[in-house]
Amino acid sequence: MLENDEIKPLVQVETQVTHAPKIYRETCQIDASKSSQDIHDFVRGLAPYPGAWLEWQGVEYKILKSKLGEMGQGTLVAKACFFANGRHLYLQCADGFLEILELQPEGKRKMLAADFINGFRN
């Protein structure tokens, strides 16, 4: 439409203008009780900075990239729970699983999920 000059700009109504709320660290925490689509959108919206994060086993993890997983449906059993399936890492959500592609454990460099799985010590 832009190439054909078919876009018609609209005048913004000043009485309907709103400001986006400030993003605080606490508002970037992932709520695993939400749907996988909601969490995926949340991660994409906060990447790369400030980044969506969650705490698991006493360690904070910044989730930098994700995609909707095809691991199947599940039931929420913990506030945040990672599952490894081969070289794939998943976050359990309210309606299924979200595949984690890239993450950053606190105090470490960002890494691919497969690298995290290879180096994880329980």
N, C-alpha and C. Protein backbone atom coordinates (compact mmCIF):
# COMPACT_ATOMS: atom_id res chain seq x y z
N MET A 1 0.83 -1.20 0.00
CA MET A 1 0.00 0.00 0.00
C MET A 1 0.87 1.26 0.00
N LEU A 2 2.02 1.17 0.66
CA LEU A 2 2.92 2.32 0.71
C LEU A 2 3.45 2.65 -0.67
N GLU A 3 3.83 1.61 -1.41
CA GLU A 3 4.36 1.81 -2.75
C GLU A 3 3.33 2.43 -3.68
N ASN A 4 2.05 2.12 -3.48
CA ASN A 4 0.98 2.62 -4.35
C ASN A 4 0.37 3.91 -3.83
N ASP A 5 0.95 4.46 -2.77
CA ASP A 5 0.45 5.71 -2.17
C ASP A 5 -1.02 5.60 -1.77
N GLU A 6 -1.37 4.43 -1.19
CA GLU A 6 -2.75 4.18 -0.78
C GLU A 6 -2.95 4.33 0.73
N ILE A 7 -1.92 4.74 1.44
CA ILE A 7 -2.04 4.89 2.90
C ILE A 7 -2.56 6.28 3.21
N LYS A 8 -3.58 6.33 4.03
CA LYS A 8 -4.17 7.59 4.43
C LYS A 8 -3.87 7.82 5.92
N PRO A 9 -3.03 8.79 6.23
CA PRO A 9 -2.70 9.05 7.64
C PRO A 9 -3.92 9.55 8.41
N LEU A 10 -3.97 9.18 9.68
CA LEU A 10 -5.06 9.61 10.55
C LEU A 10 -4.52 10.59 11.58
N VAL A 11 -5.31 11.56 11.92
CA VAL A 11 -4.94 12.52 12.94
C VAL A 11 -5.18 11.87 14.30
N GLN A 12 -4.18 11.98 15.20
CA GLN A 12 -4.31 11.39 16.52
C GLN A 12 -5.19 12.28 17.40
N VAL A 13 -6.15 11.68 18.08
CA VAL A 13 -7.03 12.42 18.97
C VAL A 13 -6.31 12.58 20.31
N GLU A 14 -5.99 13.81 20.67
CA GLU A 14 -5.16 14.06 21.86
C GLU A 14 -5.82 13.60 23.15
N THR A 15 -7.13 13.55 23.20
CA THR A 15 -7.80 13.11 24.44
C THR A 15 -7.70 11.61 24.63
N GLN A 16 -7.31 10.86 23.60
CA GLN A 16 -7.18 9.41 23.71
C GLN A 16 -5.73 8.96 23.85
N VAL A 17 -4.82 9.90 23.95
CA VAL A 17 -3.40 9.57 24.08
C VAL A 17 -3.13 9.03 25.48
N THR A 18 -2.39 7.92 25.55
CA THR A 18 -1.97 7.35 26.84
C THR A 18 -0.47 7.10 26.81
N HIS A 19 0.12 7.07 27.97
CA HIS A 19 1.55 6.79 28.08
C HIS A 19 1.74 5.33 28.48
N ALA A 20 2.75 4.71 27.92
CA ALA A 20 3.08 3.34 28.31
C ALA A 20 3.67 3.37 29.71
N PRO A 21 3.34 2.38 30.55
CA PRO A 21 3.90 2.38 31.91
C PRO A 21 5.40 2.09 31.87
N LYS A 22 6.11 2.58 32.87
CA LYS A 22 7.54 2.34 32.99
C LYS A 22 7.75 0.84 33.26
N ILE A 23 8.80 0.30 32.67
CA ILE A 23 9.11 -1.11 32.86
C ILE A 23 10.11 -1.23 34.01
N TYR A 24 9.70 -1.96 35.03
CA TYR A 24 10.56 -2.22 36.18
C TYR A 24 11.02 -3.67 36.13
N ARG A 25 12.07 -3.98 36.86
CA ARG A 25 12.61 -5.33 36.90
C ARG A 25 11.52 -6.33 37.31
N GLU A 26 10.73 -5.99 38.29
CA GLU A 26 9.69 -6.89 38.80
C GLU A 26 8.63 -7.18 37.73
N THR A 27 8.37 -6.22 36.86
CA THR A 27 7.35 -6.44 35.83
C THR A 27 7.86 -7.30 34.69
N CYS A 28 9.15 -7.63 34.69
CA CYS A 28 9.74 -8.47 33.64
C CYS A 28 9.79 -9.94 34.04
N GLN A 29 9.32 -10.27 35.24
CA GLN A 29 9.35 -11.66 35.69
C GLN A 29 8.27 -12.46 34.98
N ILE A 30 8.65 -13.62 34.47
CA ILE A 30 7.74 -14.50 33.75
C ILE A 30 6.80 -15.19 34.72
N ASP A 31 5.52 -15.18 34.41
CA ASP A 31 4.50 -15.86 35.19
C ASP A 31 4.14 -17.14 34.44
N ALA A 32 4.68 -18.27 34.89
CA ALA A 32 4.49 -19.54 34.19
C ALA A 32 3.05 -20.05 34.27
N SER A 33 2.20 -19.39 35.02
CA SER A 33 0.79 -19.80 35.07
C SER A 33 0.01 -19.22 33.89
N LYS A 34 0.68 -18.46 33.03
CA LYS A 34 0.04 -17.91 31.84
C LYS A 34 0.21 -18.88 30.67
N SER A 35 -0.47 -18.59 29.59
CA SER A 35 -0.41 -19.47 28.41
C SER A 35 0.96 -19.35 27.73
N SER A 36 1.31 -20.36 26.97
CA SER A 36 2.58 -20.36 26.25
C SER A 36 2.63 -19.20 25.25
N GLN A 37 1.52 -18.88 24.61
CA GLN A 37 1.48 -17.74 23.67
C GLN A 37 1.74 -16.43 24.41
N ASP A 38 1.12 -16.24 25.57
CA ASP A 38 1.33 -15.02 26.36
C ASP A 38 2.79 -14.88 26.78
N ILE A 39 3.40 -15.96 27.22
CA ILE A 39 4.79 -15.91 27.67
C ILE A 39 5.72 -15.68 26.48
N HIS A 40 5.44 -16.33 25.36
CA HIS A 40 6.24 -16.13 24.15
C HIS A 40 6.20 -14.66 23.73
N ASP A 41 5.02 -14.06 23.73
CA ASP A 41 4.88 -12.64 23.37
C ASP A 41 5.61 -11.75 24.38
N PHE A 42 5.54 -12.12 25.66
CA PHE A 42 6.20 -11.38 26.73
C PHE A 42 7.71 -11.39 26.53
N VAL A 43 8.26 -12.56 26.21
CA VAL A 43 9.70 -12.70 25.97
C VAL A 43 10.12 -11.85 24.77
N ARG A 44 9.37 -11.94 23.69
CA ARG A 44 9.70 -11.16 22.48
C ARG A 44 9.60 -9.67 22.73
N GLY A 45 8.62 -9.26 23.52
CA GLY A 45 8.43 -7.84 23.81
C GLY A 45 9.51 -7.23 24.68
N LEU A 46 10.16 -8.04 25.49
CA LEU A 46 11.18 -7.53 26.40
C LEU A 46 12.61 -7.83 25.93
N ALA A 47 12.76 -8.50 24.79
CA ALA A 47 14.10 -8.86 24.30
C ALA A 47 14.64 -7.74 23.42
N PRO A 48 15.89 -7.47 23.39
CA PRO A 48 16.91 -8.07 24.25
C PRO A 48 17.02 -7.39 25.61
N TYR A 49 16.52 -6.17 25.71
CA TYR A 49 16.62 -5.45 26.98
C TYR A 49 15.27 -4.89 27.34
N PRO A 50 14.83 -4.97 28.55
CA PRO A 50 15.52 -5.47 29.74
C PRO A 50 15.52 -6.98 29.86
N GLY A 51 14.67 -7.66 29.12
CA GLY A 51 14.68 -9.13 29.13
C GLY A 51 13.72 -9.71 30.15
N ALA A 52 12.98 -10.73 29.71
CA ALA A 52 12.08 -11.47 30.59
C ALA A 52 12.90 -12.47 31.38
N TRP A 53 12.56 -12.67 32.63
CA TRP A 53 13.35 -13.58 33.46
C TRP A 53 12.45 -14.40 34.37
N LEU A 54 13.03 -15.49 34.88
CA LEU A 54 12.34 -16.31 35.87
C LEU A 54 13.38 -16.90 36.82
N GLU A 55 12.91 -17.37 37.94
CA GLU A 55 13.80 -18.01 38.91
C GLU A 55 13.47 -19.49 38.95
N TRP A 56 14.52 -20.32 38.92
CA TRP A 56 14.36 -21.77 38.97
C TRP A 56 15.51 -22.33 39.79
N GLN A 57 15.20 -23.10 40.78
CA GLN A 57 16.16 -23.72 41.69
C GLN A 57 17.13 -22.69 42.26
N GLY A 58 16.59 -21.52 42.63
CA GLY A 58 17.37 -20.47 43.27
C GLY A 58 18.25 -19.65 42.36
N VAL A 59 18.15 -19.87 41.05
CA VAL A 59 18.97 -19.13 40.08
C VAL A 59 18.04 -18.38 39.13
N GLU A 60 18.38 -17.13 38.82
CA GLU A 60 17.60 -16.37 37.86
C GLU A 60 18.10 -16.64 36.44
N TYR A 61 17.17 -16.79 35.54
CA TYR A 61 17.47 -17.03 34.13
C TYR A 61 16.74 -15.99 33.29
N LYS A 62 17.49 -15.31 32.45
CA LYS A 62 16.88 -14.39 31.50
C LYS A 62 16.59 -15.21 30.24
N ILE A 63 15.35 -15.18 29.79
CA ILE A 63 14.95 -15.90 28.58
C ILE A 63 15.01 -14.90 27.43
N LEU A 64 15.89 -15.16 26.48
CA LEU A 64 16.15 -14.21 25.41
C LEU A 64 15.42 -14.54 24.11
N LYS A 65 15.25 -15.83 23.82
CA LYS A 65 14.52 -16.24 22.62
C LYS A 65 13.71 -17.48 22.93
N SER A 66 12.53 -17.55 22.34
CA SER A 66 11.66 -18.71 22.54
C SER A 66 10.85 -18.95 21.27
N LYS A 67 10.22 -20.10 21.24
CA LYS A 67 9.24 -20.37 20.18
C LYS A 67 8.20 -21.30 20.76
N LEU A 68 7.03 -21.25 20.18
CA LEU A 68 5.95 -22.08 20.69
C LEU A 68 6.34 -23.54 20.51
N GLY A 69 6.32 -24.29 21.59
CA GLY A 69 6.76 -25.68 21.58
C GLY A 69 5.72 -26.62 21.06
N GLU A 70 6.18 -27.76 20.63
CA GLU A 70 5.29 -28.81 20.13
C GLU A 70 5.44 -30.06 20.98
N MET A 71 5.74 -29.86 22.28
CA MET A 71 5.97 -31.00 23.15
C MET A 71 4.66 -31.62 23.62
N GLY A 72 3.56 -30.91 23.42
CA GLY A 72 2.28 -31.46 23.83
C GLY A 72 1.66 -30.65 24.95
N GLN A 73 0.51 -31.07 25.38
CA GLN A 73 -0.20 -30.38 26.45
C GLN A 73 0.30 -30.85 27.80
N GLY A 74 0.19 -30.00 28.78
CA GLY A 74 0.64 -30.36 30.13
C GLY A 74 -0.21 -29.68 31.17
N THR A 75 0.06 -29.98 32.41
CA THR A 75 -0.61 -29.36 33.53
C THR A 75 0.43 -28.67 34.38
N LEU A 76 0.13 -27.49 34.86
CA LEU A 76 1.09 -26.73 35.66
C LEU A 76 1.34 -27.45 36.97
N VAL A 77 2.60 -27.80 37.23
CA VAL A 77 2.95 -28.49 38.47
C VAL A 77 3.89 -27.67 39.34
N ALA A 78 4.42 -26.58 38.81
CA ALA A 78 5.32 -25.73 39.59
C ALA A 78 5.24 -24.32 39.03
N LYS A 79 5.75 -23.36 39.80
CA LYS A 79 5.72 -21.98 39.33
C LYS A 79 6.52 -21.83 38.04
N ALA A 80 7.66 -22.46 37.97
CA ALA A 80 8.47 -22.45 36.75
C ALA A 80 9.25 -23.74 36.71
N CYS A 81 9.13 -24.45 35.60
CA CYS A 81 9.77 -25.76 35.52
C CYS A 81 10.32 -25.96 34.12
N PHE A 82 11.64 -26.23 34.03
CA PHE A 82 12.27 -26.54 32.76
C PHE A 82 12.23 -28.04 32.52
N PHE A 83 12.10 -28.41 31.24
CA PHE A 83 12.18 -29.81 30.83
C PHE A 83 13.13 -29.88 29.64
N ALA A 84 14.03 -30.84 29.66
CA ALA A 84 14.91 -31.07 28.52
C ALA A 84 14.42 -32.32 27.80
N ASN A 85 14.34 -32.22 26.49
CA ASN A 85 13.94 -33.34 25.65
C ASN A 85 14.96 -33.40 24.53
N GLY A 86 15.96 -34.26 24.70
CA GLY A 86 17.06 -34.28 23.74
C GLY A 86 17.86 -33.01 23.86
N ARG A 87 17.98 -32.29 22.77
CA ARG A 87 18.71 -31.02 22.78
C ARG A 87 17.77 -29.83 22.82
N HIS A 88 16.53 -30.05 23.22
CA HIS A 88 15.52 -28.99 23.30
C HIS A 88 15.18 -28.73 24.76
N LEU A 89 14.98 -27.46 25.08
CA LEU A 89 14.64 -27.05 26.44
C LEU A 89 13.26 -26.40 26.41
N TYR A 90 12.41 -26.81 27.34
CA TYR A 90 11.04 -26.31 27.38
C TYR A 90 10.73 -25.73 28.75
N LEU A 91 9.86 -24.73 28.75
CA LEU A 91 9.32 -24.16 29.97
C LEU A 91 7.86 -24.59 30.05
N GLN A 92 7.48 -25.18 31.18
CA GLN A 92 6.09 -25.59 31.34
C GLN A 92 5.24 -24.36 31.60
N CYS A 93 4.15 -24.24 30.85
CA CYS A 93 3.21 -23.12 30.97
C CYS A 93 1.84 -23.67 31.33
N ALA A 94 0.88 -22.81 31.49
CA ALA A 94 -0.46 -23.23 31.90
C ALA A 94 -1.12 -24.15 30.88
N ASP A 95 -0.83 -23.96 29.60
CA ASP A 95 -1.52 -24.72 28.56
C ASP A 95 -0.62 -25.62 27.75
N GLY A 96 0.60 -25.79 28.16
CA GLY A 96 1.51 -26.63 27.40
C GLY A 96 2.94 -26.24 27.68
N PHE A 97 3.74 -26.14 26.62
CA PHE A 97 5.16 -25.89 26.78
C PHE A 97 5.63 -24.84 25.80
N LEU A 98 6.62 -24.06 26.24
CA LEU A 98 7.26 -23.06 25.41
C LEU A 98 8.70 -23.49 25.22
N GLU A 99 9.16 -23.59 23.99
CA GLU A 99 10.54 -23.98 23.75
C GLU A 99 11.45 -22.78 23.96
N ILE A 100 12.48 -22.96 24.77
CA ILE A 100 13.47 -21.93 25.03
C ILE A 100 14.62 -22.13 24.05
N LEU A 101 14.94 -21.11 23.29
CA LEU A 101 16.01 -21.20 22.30
C LEU A 101 17.32 -20.60 22.81
N GLU A 102 17.22 -19.53 23.58
CA GLU A 102 18.41 -18.86 24.10
C GLU A 102 18.10 -18.31 25.48
N LEU A 103 19.03 -18.49 26.41
CA LEU A 103 18.84 -18.01 27.77
C LEU A 103 20.17 -17.56 28.36
N GLN A 104 20.07 -16.89 29.51
CA GLN A 104 21.27 -16.40 30.19
C GLN A 104 21.10 -16.61 31.69
N PRO A 105 21.81 -17.59 32.26
CA PRO A 105 21.78 -17.76 33.71
C PRO A 105 22.46 -16.55 34.37
N GLU A 106 22.01 -16.19 35.58
CA GLU A 106 22.60 -15.02 36.22
C GLU A 106 24.11 -15.21 36.42
N GLY A 107 24.85 -14.17 36.11
CA GLY A 107 26.29 -14.19 36.26
C GLY A 107 27.04 -14.91 35.15
N LYS A 108 26.33 -15.34 34.12
CA LYS A 108 26.96 -16.08 33.01
C LYS A 108 26.63 -15.40 31.69
N ARG A 109 27.25 -15.90 30.65
CA ARG A 109 26.99 -15.37 29.31
C ARG A 109 25.70 -15.95 28.75
N LYS A 110 25.17 -15.30 27.72
CA LYS A 110 23.99 -15.87 27.07
C LYS A 110 24.41 -17.10 26.30
N MET A 111 23.50 -18.06 26.19
CA MET A 111 23.84 -19.32 25.52
C MET A 111 22.61 -19.93 24.87
N LEU A 112 22.88 -20.77 23.89
CA LEU A 112 21.80 -21.53 23.28
C LEU A 112 21.30 -22.57 24.26
N ALA A 113 20.05 -22.95 24.13
CA ALA A 113 19.46 -23.94 25.04
C ALA A 113 20.23 -25.25 25.01
N ALA A 114 20.69 -25.69 23.83
CA ALA A 114 21.44 -26.94 23.73
C ALA A 114 22.73 -26.87 24.53
N ASP A 115 23.41 -25.72 24.52
CA ASP A 115 24.63 -25.53 25.31
C ASP A 115 24.33 -25.57 26.81
N PHE A 116 23.20 -24.97 27.18
CA PHE A 116 22.79 -25.01 28.59
C PHE A 116 22.54 -26.44 29.03
N ILE A 117 21.86 -27.21 28.22
CA ILE A 117 21.56 -28.61 28.56
C ILE A 117 22.88 -29.40 28.69
N ASN A 118 23.80 -29.19 27.78
CA ASN A 118 25.08 -29.91 27.81
C ASN A 118 25.86 -29.61 29.08
N GLY A 119 25.80 -28.39 29.56
CA GLY A 119 26.60 -28.01 30.72
C GLY A 119 25.87 -28.00 32.05
N PHE A 120 24.57 -28.36 32.05
CA PHE A 120 23.79 -28.27 33.27
C PHE A 120 24.20 -29.34 34.27
N ARG A 121 24.40 -28.92 35.51
CA ARG A 121 24.70 -29.83 36.61
C ARG A 121 23.59 -29.67 37.64
N ASN A 122 22.90 -30.74 37.94
CA ASN A 122 21.78 -30.70 38.89
C ASN A 122 22.28 -30.75 40.31
